[in-house]
Amino acid sequence: MNAAALLMMVTAQVLVTGFTAYFFYKVLTTPPKADDGEMIPPVKSYDAT
């Protein structure tokens, strides 16, 4: 493998790992949405029996 290919491979791996780590950290540190009384609508179930 020549130097250009090795550099491209390492750069791609570092970028993908960096984006993954950043968004994983962002998901873990983002506070949950405040509950403002919004209710989830009930699921309509049509029982065939």
N, C-alpha and C. Protein backbone atom coordinates (compact mmCIF):
# COMPACT_ATOMS: atom_id res chain seq x y z
N MET A 1 0.87 -1.18 0.00
CA MET A 1 0.00 0.00 0.00
C MET A 1 0.91 1.23 0.00
N ASN A 2 0.63 2.16 -0.88
CA ASN A 2 1.48 3.35 -0.93
C ASN A 2 1.04 4.38 0.12
N ALA A 3 1.83 5.41 0.27
CA ALA A 3 1.61 6.40 1.33
C ALA A 3 0.29 7.15 1.16
N ALA A 4 -0.09 7.46 -0.08
CA ALA A 4 -1.34 8.20 -0.30
C ALA A 4 -2.55 7.37 0.12
N ALA A 5 -2.52 6.08 -0.21
CA ALA A 5 -3.65 5.22 0.16
C ALA A 5 -3.72 5.04 1.67
N LEU A 6 -2.58 4.89 2.31
CA LEU A 6 -2.56 4.75 3.77
C LEU A 6 -3.07 6.01 4.45
N LEU A 7 -2.65 7.15 3.94
CA LEU A 7 -3.12 8.43 4.50
C LEU A 7 -4.62 8.59 4.33
N MET A 8 -5.15 8.24 3.17
CA MET A 8 -6.59 8.34 2.94
C MET A 8 -7.37 7.40 3.85
N MET A 9 -6.87 6.17 4.03
CA MET A 9 -7.55 5.20 4.88
C MET A 9 -7.56 5.67 6.34
N VAL A 10 -6.43 6.14 6.82
CA VAL A 10 -6.35 6.60 8.21
C VAL A 10 -7.23 7.84 8.41
N THR A 11 -7.23 8.75 7.44
CA THR A 11 -8.07 9.95 7.54
C THR A 11 -9.55 9.58 7.58
N ALA A 12 -9.98 8.67 6.76
CA ALA A 12 -11.38 8.25 6.75
C ALA A 12 -11.76 7.59 8.07
N GLN A 13 -10.89 6.75 8.59
CA GLN A 13 -11.18 6.08 9.86
C GLN A 13 -11.25 7.08 11.00
N VAL A 14 -10.34 8.05 11.02
CA VAL A 14 -10.34 9.07 12.07
C VAL A 14 -11.61 9.92 11.98
N LEU A 15 -12.02 10.30 10.78
CA LEU A 15 -13.23 11.11 10.62
C LEU A 15 -14.48 10.35 11.08
N VAL A 16 -14.62 9.12 10.66
CA VAL A 16 -15.80 8.34 11.04
C VAL A 16 -15.82 8.11 12.55
N THR A 17 -14.68 7.77 13.13
CA THR A 17 -14.61 7.57 14.57
C THR A 17 -14.89 8.87 15.32
N GLY A 18 -14.38 9.97 14.81
CA GLY A 18 -14.62 11.27 15.45
C GLY A 18 -16.08 11.67 15.43
N PHE A 19 -16.73 11.52 14.27
CA PHE A 19 -18.16 11.85 14.18
C PHE A 19 -18.98 10.94 15.10
N THR A 20 -18.64 9.67 15.13
CA THR A 20 -19.37 8.73 15.98
C THR A 20 -19.22 9.10 17.45
N ALA A 21 -18.01 9.38 17.87
CA ALA A 21 -17.77 9.75 19.27
C ALA A 21 -18.47 11.06 19.62
N TYR A 22 -18.42 12.04 18.72
CA TYR A 22 -19.05 13.33 18.99
C TYR A 22 -20.56 13.19 19.17
N PHE A 23 -21.21 12.50 18.26
CA PHE A 23 -22.66 12.38 18.36
C PHE A 23 -23.08 11.46 19.50
N PHE A 24 -22.28 10.45 19.81
CA PHE A 24 -22.57 9.60 20.96
C PHE A 24 -22.48 10.42 22.24
N TYR A 25 -21.45 11.24 22.36
CA TYR A 25 -21.30 12.12 23.52
C TYR A 25 -22.46 13.11 23.59
N LYS A 26 -22.87 13.64 22.45
CA LYS A 26 -23.97 14.61 22.42
C LYS A 26 -25.28 13.97 22.88
N VAL A 27 -25.51 12.72 22.47
CA VAL A 27 -26.72 12.01 22.89
C VAL A 27 -26.70 11.78 24.40
N LEU A 28 -25.55 11.42 24.93
CA LEU A 28 -25.46 11.13 26.36
C LEU A 28 -25.57 12.37 27.23
N THR A 29 -25.16 13.53 26.73
CA THR A 29 -25.14 14.73 27.55
C THR A 29 -26.32 15.67 27.31
N THR A 30 -27.15 15.41 26.33
CA THR A 30 -28.30 16.27 26.06
C THR A 30 -29.38 15.99 27.10
N PRO A 31 -29.86 17.03 27.79
CA PRO A 31 -30.91 16.80 28.78
C PRO A 31 -32.23 16.42 28.10
N PRO A 32 -33.06 15.64 28.78
CA PRO A 32 -34.33 15.25 28.17
C PRO A 32 -35.24 16.47 28.00
N LYS A 33 -36.16 16.35 27.04
CA LYS A 33 -37.11 17.43 26.81
C LYS A 33 -38.00 17.60 28.04
N ALA A 34 -38.34 18.84 28.33
CA ALA A 34 -39.23 19.12 29.44
C ALA A 34 -40.64 18.66 29.07
N ASP A 35 -41.31 18.03 30.02
CA ASP A 35 -42.67 17.57 29.79
C ASP A 35 -43.61 18.74 30.03
N ASP A 36 -44.23 19.21 28.98
CA ASP A 36 -45.13 20.37 29.11
C ASP A 36 -46.60 19.95 29.10
N GLY A 37 -46.87 18.76 29.60
CA GLY A 37 -48.24 18.30 29.67
C GLY A 37 -48.71 17.68 28.38
N GLU A 38 -47.84 17.56 27.42
CA GLU A 38 -48.21 16.98 26.14
C GLU A 38 -48.39 15.48 26.31
N MET A 39 -49.55 14.99 25.91
CA MET A 39 -49.84 13.58 26.11
C MET A 39 -49.73 12.82 24.78
N ILE A 40 -49.19 11.65 24.85
CA ILE A 40 -49.10 10.81 23.66
C ILE A 40 -50.50 10.26 23.38
N PRO A 41 -50.99 10.40 22.16
CA PRO A 41 -52.34 9.91 21.87
C PRO A 41 -52.39 8.39 22.00
N PRO A 42 -53.51 7.88 22.49
CA PRO A 42 -53.62 6.43 22.64
C PRO A 42 -53.62 5.72 21.28
N VAL A 43 -53.12 4.52 21.28
CA VAL A 43 -53.07 3.73 20.05
C VAL A 43 -54.44 3.11 19.84
N LYS A 44 -54.98 3.28 18.63
CA LYS A 44 -56.28 2.68 18.32
C LYS A 44 -56.06 1.25 17.93
N SER A 45 -56.66 0.35 18.66
CA SER A 45 -56.49 -1.07 18.39
C SER A 45 -57.84 -1.63 17.94
N TYR A 46 -57.82 -2.31 16.83
CA TYR A 46 -59.03 -2.92 16.31
C TYR A 46 -58.92 -4.42 16.46
N ASP A 47 -59.53 -4.95 17.50
CA ASP A 47 -59.44 -6.37 17.79
C ASP A 47 -60.44 -7.11 16.90
N ALA A 48 -59.96 -8.12 16.20
CA ALA A 48 -60.80 -8.83 15.23
C ALA A 48 -61.55 -10.02 15.86
N THR A 49 -61.42 -10.17 17.17
CA THR A 49 -62.09 -11.33 17.78
C THR A 49 -63.49 -10.99 18.23
